Amino acid sequence: MKATRRKKRLDRSIKVRCEGLYALSSWSEMAYLLAPRLLLILGLLLIPFFVDLYWQRVLCSAGIYALLALSFDFLAGYVGLVCLGGALFIGTGGYFAGLLNHYSHLPLFVTIPIATVAGAAFSTLVLIPCLRLRGIYFAIISFMLPLFAVYIIIALNVFGGTEGISALDTFPSIHLELYLILAAVLLALFAIRRLVNEDMGIILRGVKDNDQAVRASGISITAYKIRAVFIAALVGCFGGAYLSHLYGWLGISLFAMDFSILPIAATVMGGMGSLVGPVLGAFILTPMSEALRGFGQLRVVLYCFILIAFMVYKPEGIMNYLERKYHQFEKWEEV
């Protein structure tokens, strides 16, 4: 009797009950699950070997935007807080690190962790009164805070005023500064992904979907929002502290609106709610923006055209599309 064959999806036999729980029985199934993760890790670690010094510095900038996009996606996709204050996180972390290095003469490997935690705590305290707001109202307030900080510095002429502070300590080598930001991106990505799959992540998604039900369960919504904002601010403030030592300078440009807008574009391109999608979007958008610099003002038109095309024709984002296609791979098996 001739055996019949049928097509079977690769993930059909290993998924159990939910997306995050698997029953593995072979090395091929383990490879199926690990391949996308290993591709991301090896891709980020090997890219510097194939580009010159200029593009390595561009990758450093892309890593900073990736951290901001990750924090934006975490707050918007899992907490329901559309935070446009990425520039606030960058500026706060950058100023803390730069001032500690300039006035206290602390080495950068001390100022960066201190500025990350202190900047996150300060940013969280600033945003706490706004946590009762949601939707467009929270977004507007968070967008205005970096502008508020800029005009305070200019009006009071503090922290170097409009000229800023230069001659800060910089990294001893391009390889150190590059792999530090890449390691930070990977660590933040996998840590936040693990977090959203734990009990805290379930509560945060409940706050986003139905905060009244969460409040009725006796859980403090404000407390969990504060924790989420602090985690997102940690990621962003590290990027700011790193940036001030990357260029050895701090100034009001650390509060530039690019740090609030480009992460949103990266999230839209990469895929909202996927976490890894915004990281992928940042590593595509930043080099693409730099490559279009030769077109002058026309590069803004091309840049906007590409973003509009993604929003209209691929609103799910690159990562969600690739994930869906990856899980649709099939193989032949005997029945």
Protein backbone atom coordinates (compact mmCIF):
# COMPACT_ATOMS: atom_id res chain seq x y z
CA MET A 1 0.00 0.00 0.00
CA LYS A 2 1.42 3.33 -1.06
CA ALA A 3 1.84 5.83 1.77
CA THR A 4 0.07 9.13 1.36
CA ARG A 5 1.74 12.40 2.13
CA ARG A 6 0.43 15.72 3.32
CA LYS A 7 1.79 19.15 4.12
CA LYS A 8 2.21 20.09 7.75
CA ARG A 9 3.18 23.43 9.30
CA LEU A 10 6.51 23.25 11.10
CA ASP A 11 5.17 24.76 14.31
CA ARG A 12 2.04 22.61 14.50
CA SER A 13 3.49 19.78 16.57
CA ILE A 14 5.48 21.83 19.06
CA LYS A 15 3.02 24.54 20.11
CA VAL A 16 1.12 23.67 23.27
CA ARG A 17 -1.84 25.74 24.44
CA CYS A 18 -0.27 29.14 23.84
CA GLU A 19 2.39 30.99 21.86
CA GLY A 20 4.99 30.96 24.64
CA LEU A 21 4.75 27.32 25.71
CA TYR A 22 6.32 24.56 23.62
CA ALA A 23 6.85 20.80 23.72
CA LEU A 24 10.16 20.01 22.06
CA SER A 25 11.10 16.49 21.00
CA SER A 26 13.94 16.95 18.50
CA TRP A 27 16.93 19.11 17.65
CA SER A 28 15.19 20.32 14.51
CA GLU A 29 12.32 21.72 16.56
CA MET A 30 14.76 23.47 18.88
CA ALA A 31 16.56 24.90 15.86
CA TYR A 32 13.23 26.08 14.47
CA LEU A 33 12.62 28.16 17.61
CA LEU A 34 16.18 29.37 18.11
CA ALA A 35 16.97 30.31 14.49
CA PRO A 36 15.28 33.77 14.50
CA ARG A 37 16.88 34.70 17.82
CA LEU A 38 20.34 33.54 16.77
CA LEU A 39 19.96 35.36 13.46
CA LEU A 40 19.24 38.62 15.31
CA ILE A 41 22.11 38.21 17.77
CA LEU A 42 24.71 37.11 15.22
CA GLY A 43 23.53 39.74 12.74
CA LEU A 44 24.06 42.58 15.20
CA LEU A 45 27.41 41.24 16.37
CA LEU A 46 28.81 40.58 12.89
CA ILE A 47 27.63 43.71 11.04
CA PRO A 48 30.53 45.86 12.38
CA PHE A 49 33.04 43.59 10.59
CA PHE A 50 31.57 44.46 7.19
CA VAL A 51 31.34 48.27 7.46
CA ASP A 52 33.92 51.02 7.77
CA LEU A 53 34.50 53.39 10.69
CA TYR A 54 31.91 55.94 9.51
CA TRP A 55 29.11 53.39 9.31
CA GLN A 56 30.15 51.90 12.64
CA ARG A 57 29.45 55.28 14.20
CA VAL A 58 26.08 55.30 12.41
CA LEU A 59 25.37 51.90 13.98
CA CYS A 60 26.06 53.44 17.39
CA SER A 61 23.39 56.06 16.70
CA ALA A 62 21.05 53.33 15.45
CA GLY A 63 21.53 51.48 18.74
CA ILE A 64 20.43 54.57 20.69
CA TYR A 65 17.31 54.93 18.56
CA ALA A 66 16.67 51.19 18.98
CA LEU A 67 16.64 51.61 22.76
CA LEU A 68 14.20 54.50 22.48
CA ALA A 69 11.97 52.58 20.08
CA LEU A 70 11.99 49.61 22.46
CA SER A 71 10.93 51.76 25.42
CA PHE A 72 8.22 53.43 23.31
CA ASP A 73 6.85 50.07 22.16
CA PHE A 74 6.88 48.73 25.73
CA LEU A 75 4.85 51.66 27.09
CA ALA A 76 2.48 51.99 24.14
CA GLY A 77 2.02 48.32 23.29
CA TYR A 78 1.84 46.81 26.78
CA VAL A 79 0.79 49.64 29.13
CA GLY A 80 -1.28 51.86 26.88
CA LEU A 81 0.86 54.96 27.49
CA VAL A 82 1.81 56.68 24.24
CA CYS A 83 4.95 58.41 25.49
CA LEU A 84 6.50 60.91 23.09
CA GLY A 85 9.13 61.86 25.64
CA GLY A 86 12.03 59.90 24.24
CA ALA A 87 14.01 63.16 24.07
CA LEU A 88 13.34 63.66 27.79
CA PHE A 89 15.00 60.33 28.60
CA ILE A 90 17.97 61.04 26.33
CA GLY A 91 18.49 64.55 27.65
CA THR A 92 18.12 63.60 31.30
CA GLY A 93 20.51 60.67 31.08
CA GLY A 94 22.96 62.67 28.98
CA TYR A 95 23.04 65.66 31.32
CA PHE A 96 23.41 63.53 34.44
CA ALA A 97 26.35 61.64 32.91
CA GLY A 98 28.00 64.74 31.45
CA LEU A 99 27.69 66.83 34.61
CA LEU A 100 29.01 64.02 36.80
CA ASN A 101 31.98 63.59 34.48
CA HIS A 102 32.68 67.32 34.11
CA TYR A 103 32.31 68.47 37.72
CA SER A 104 33.08 65.30 39.72
CA HIS A 105 35.63 63.90 37.24
CA LEU A 106 34.16 60.42 37.54
CA PRO A 107 35.13 57.96 34.78
CA LEU A 108 32.53 57.18 32.14
CA PHE A 109 32.07 53.59 33.35
CA VAL A 110 30.85 55.08 36.64
CA THR A 111 28.84 58.00 35.29
CA ILE A 112 26.87 55.91 32.78
CA PRO A 113 25.28 53.51 35.31
CA ILE A 114 24.71 56.31 37.84
CA ALA A 115 23.15 58.55 35.19
CA THR A 116 20.99 55.67 33.93
CA VAL A 117 19.40 55.06 37.34
CA ALA A 118 19.32 58.70 38.48
CA GLY A 119 17.96 59.91 35.14
CA ALA A 120 15.27 57.21 35.14
CA ALA A 121 14.24 58.15 38.68
CA PHE A 122 14.09 61.86 37.79
CA SER A 123 12.14 61.23 34.57
CA THR A 124 9.68 59.02 36.42
CA LEU A 125 9.11 61.66 39.11
CA VAL A 126 8.42 64.23 36.39
CA LEU A 127 5.91 61.93 34.65
CA ILE A 128 4.10 60.68 37.78
CA PRO A 129 1.57 63.59 37.87
CA CYS A 130 0.71 62.80 34.22
CA LEU A 131 -0.01 59.09 34.71
CA ARG A 132 -3.71 59.66 35.33
CA LEU A 133 -3.92 60.90 31.73
CA ARG A 134 -4.25 58.51 28.79
CA GLY A 135 -4.24 58.61 25.02
CA ILE A 136 -3.54 61.89 23.28
CA TYR A 137 -3.39 63.86 26.53
CA PHE A 138 -0.47 61.89 27.96
CA ALA A 139 1.21 61.97 24.55
CA ILE A 140 1.00 65.78 24.33
CA ILE A 141 2.32 66.32 27.85
CA SER A 142 5.24 63.92 27.36
CA PHE A 143 6.05 65.62 24.03
CA MET A 144 6.15 69.07 25.67
CA LEU A 145 8.46 68.13 28.54
CA PRO A 146 11.70 68.09 26.47
CA LEU A 147 10.82 71.55 25.09
CA PHE A 148 10.19 72.71 28.64
CA ALA A 149 13.63 71.47 29.71
CA VAL A 150 15.34 73.21 26.77
CA TYR A 151 13.83 76.61 27.54
CA ILE A 152 14.66 76.30 31.23
CA ILE A 153 18.32 75.70 30.38
CA ILE A 154 18.34 78.62 27.92
CA ALA A 155 16.47 81.03 30.22
CA LEU A 156 18.58 80.30 33.31
CA ASN A 157 21.80 79.81 31.31
CA VAL A 158 22.73 76.75 33.38
CA PHE A 159 24.73 73.64 32.45
CA GLY A 160 26.59 75.55 29.76
CA GLY A 161 23.48 77.19 28.32
CA THR A 162 23.19 77.04 24.55
CA GLU A 163 26.89 76.23 24.12
CA GLY A 164 26.79 73.14 26.33
CA ILE A 165 29.79 71.46 27.95
CA SER A 166 32.59 69.88 25.94
CA ALA A 167 35.75 67.86 26.64
CA LEU A 168 33.91 65.00 28.32
CA ASP A 169 35.54 61.59 28.52
CA THR A 170 35.04 59.43 25.44
CA PHE A 171 35.37 55.71 24.86
CA PRO A 172 38.91 54.44 24.32
CA SER A 173 38.04 52.55 21.11
CA ILE A 174 35.32 52.35 18.47
CA HIS A 175 34.90 48.63 19.13
CA LEU A 176 34.12 49.22 22.80
CA GLU A 177 31.55 51.92 22.15
CA LEU A 178 29.93 49.90 19.37
CA TYR A 179 29.63 46.58 21.19
CA LEU A 180 28.54 48.28 24.40
CA ILE A 181 25.45 49.75 22.74
CA LEU A 182 24.73 46.53 20.83
CA ALA A 183 24.98 44.52 24.05
CA ALA A 184 22.68 47.01 25.77
CA VAL A 185 20.11 46.67 22.97
CA LEU A 186 20.12 42.87 23.16
CA LEU A 187 20.00 42.84 26.97
CA ALA A 188 17.13 45.33 27.10
CA LEU A 189 15.24 43.47 24.38
CA PHE A 190 15.38 40.05 25.99
CA ALA A 191 14.85 41.43 29.52
CA ILE A 192 11.69 43.33 28.54
CA ARG A 193 10.41 40.37 26.51
CA ARG A 194 10.86 38.16 29.58
CA LEU A 195 9.16 40.78 31.75
CA VAL A 196 6.04 41.09 29.61
CA ASN A 197 5.57 37.30 29.73
CA GLU A 198 5.67 37.24 33.55
CA ASP A 199 2.93 38.17 36.02
CA MET A 200 3.82 41.86 35.80
CA GLY A 201 3.35 41.79 32.05
CA ILE A 202 -0.09 40.24 32.43
CA ILE A 203 -1.11 43.01 34.83
CA LEU A 204 0.29 45.70 32.54
CA ARG A 205 -1.69 44.34 29.59
CA GLY A 206 -4.74 44.33 31.83
CA VAL A 207 -4.12 47.99 32.65
CA LYS A 208 -3.97 48.73 28.95
CA ASP A 209 -7.11 46.75 28.00
CA ASN A 210 -9.37 47.33 31.03
CA ASP A 211 -7.91 49.32 33.89
CA GLN A 212 -11.22 49.35 35.78
CA ALA A 213 -11.17 45.55 36.04
CA VAL A 214 -7.60 45.64 37.33
CA ARG A 215 -8.53 48.30 39.89
CA ALA A 216 -11.52 46.20 40.99
CA SER A 217 -9.09 43.35 41.72
CA GLY A 218 -7.38 45.47 44.37
CA ILE A 219 -4.26 46.18 42.31
CA SER A 220 -2.80 49.68 42.28
CA ILE A 221 -2.79 50.81 38.66
CA THR A 222 -0.64 53.84 39.43
CA ALA A 223 2.05 51.71 41.09
CA TYR A 224 2.36 49.46 38.06
CA LYS A 225 2.40 52.42 35.68
CA ILE A 226 5.22 53.97 37.72
CA ARG A 227 7.21 50.73 37.47
CA ALA A 228 6.64 50.55 33.72
CA VAL A 229 7.68 54.18 33.18
CA PHE A 230 10.81 53.64 35.29
CA ILE A 231 11.79 50.59 33.23
CA ALA A 232 11.26 52.46 29.96
CA ALA A 233 13.17 55.46 31.32
CA LEU A 234 16.07 53.20 32.35
CA VAL A 235 16.43 52.06 28.75
CA GLY A 236 16.20 55.58 27.34
CA CYS A 237 18.47 57.22 29.93
CA PHE A 238 21.18 54.68 29.27
CA GLY A 239 21.07 55.79 25.64
CA GLY A 240 21.43 59.42 26.71
CA ALA A 241 24.32 58.75 29.09
CA TYR A 242 26.03 56.72 26.39
CA LEU A 243 25.46 59.47 23.80
CA SER A 244 27.09 62.20 25.90
CA HIS A 245 30.26 60.12 26.18
CA LEU A 246 30.07 58.95 22.57
CA TYR A 247 30.64 62.51 21.32
CA GLY A 248 32.30 63.91 24.47
CA TRP A 249 29.80 66.78 24.61
CA LEU A 250 26.42 67.66 26.06
CA GLY A 251 24.00 70.41 25.13
CA ILE A 252 20.39 71.20 24.45
CA SER A 253 20.51 69.13 21.25
CA LEU A 254 20.16 66.09 23.53
CA PHE A 255 16.52 67.16 23.85
CA ALA A 256 16.06 67.29 20.05
CA MET A 257 12.70 66.15 18.71
CA ASP A 258 14.39 63.51 16.56
CA PHE A 259 14.71 61.40 19.71
CA SER A 260 10.92 61.54 20.11
CA ILE A 261 9.85 61.16 16.49
CA LEU A 262 12.23 58.64 14.90
CA PRO A 263 11.51 55.90 17.49
CA ILE A 264 7.82 56.15 16.60
CA ALA A 265 8.65 55.77 12.90
CA ALA A 266 10.89 52.79 13.72
CA THR A 267 8.06 51.20 15.70
CA VAL A 268 5.58 51.70 12.86
CA MET A 269 8.02 50.21 10.35
CA GLY A 270 9.11 47.33 12.57
CA GLY A 271 5.73 46.40 14.02
CA MET A 272 3.95 47.68 17.11
CA GLY A 273 3.80 45.30 20.06
CA SER A 274 6.53 42.95 18.85
CA LEU A 275 9.43 44.58 20.78
CA VAL A 276 12.00 43.22 18.34
CA GLY A 277 10.23 44.98 15.46
CA PRO A 278 11.06 48.52 16.67
CA VAL A 279 14.69 47.47 17.15
CA LEU A 280 14.77 46.17 13.58
CA GLY A 281 13.07 49.33 12.35
CA ALA A 282 15.66 51.55 14.06
CA PHE A 283 18.55 49.64 12.49
CA ILE A 284 16.90 50.11 9.08
CA LEU A 285 15.74 53.72 9.37
CA THR A 286 18.90 55.25 10.84
CA PRO A 287 21.35 54.01 8.16
CA MET A 288 18.72 54.71 5.49
CA SER A 289 18.38 58.31 6.68
CA GLU A 290 22.17 58.67 6.62
CA ALA A 291 22.43 57.12 3.15
CA LEU A 292 19.89 59.62 1.80
CA ARG A 293 21.85 62.59 3.15
CA GLY A 294 23.38 63.14 -0.29
CA PHE A 295 19.94 64.03 -1.69
CA GLY A 296 19.80 67.17 0.46
CA GLN A 297 16.27 68.30 1.30
CA LEU A 298 14.90 65.70 -1.09
CA ARG A 299 15.90 63.00 1.39
CA VAL A 300 13.11 64.17 3.72
CA VAL A 301 10.60 63.60 0.90
CA LEU A 302 11.99 60.13 0.18
CA TYR A 303 12.10 59.34 3.88
CA CYS A 304 8.46 60.34 4.37
CA PHE A 305 7.41 58.49 1.22
CA ILE A 306 8.93 55.25 2.51
CA LEU A 307 7.21 55.64 5.89
CA ILE A 308 3.84 56.41 4.30
CA ALA A 309 4.18 53.36 2.06
CA PHE A 310 4.76 51.15 5.09
CA MET A 311 1.83 52.62 7.01
CA VAL A 312 -0.54 52.22 4.06
CA TYR A 313 0.53 48.89 2.58
CA LYS A 314 2.17 47.12 5.55
CA PRO A 315 0.60 48.55 8.73
CA GLU A 316 1.44 45.37 10.66
CA GLY A 317 5.14 46.14 10.31
CA ILE A 318 8.10 44.17 9.03
CA MET A 319 8.54 41.92 12.06
CA ASN A 320 4.91 40.87 12.39
CA TYR A 321 4.84 40.06 8.68
CA LEU A 322 8.07 38.03 8.81
CA GLU A 323 6.94 36.18 11.93
CA ARG A 324 3.65 35.24 10.31
CA LYS A 325 5.39 33.98 7.18
CA TYR A 326 8.00 32.10 9.21
CA HIS A 327 5.33 30.15 11.09
CA GLN A 328 3.60 29.27 7.83
CA PHE A 329 6.51 27.16 6.54
CA GLU A 330 5.36 23.65 5.74
CA LYS A 331 6.98 20.26 5.22
CA TRP A 332 5.79 17.01 3.69
CA GLU A 333 5.05 14.09 6.04
CA GLU A 334 3.72 10.61 5.60
CA VAL A 335 0.23 9.90 6.92
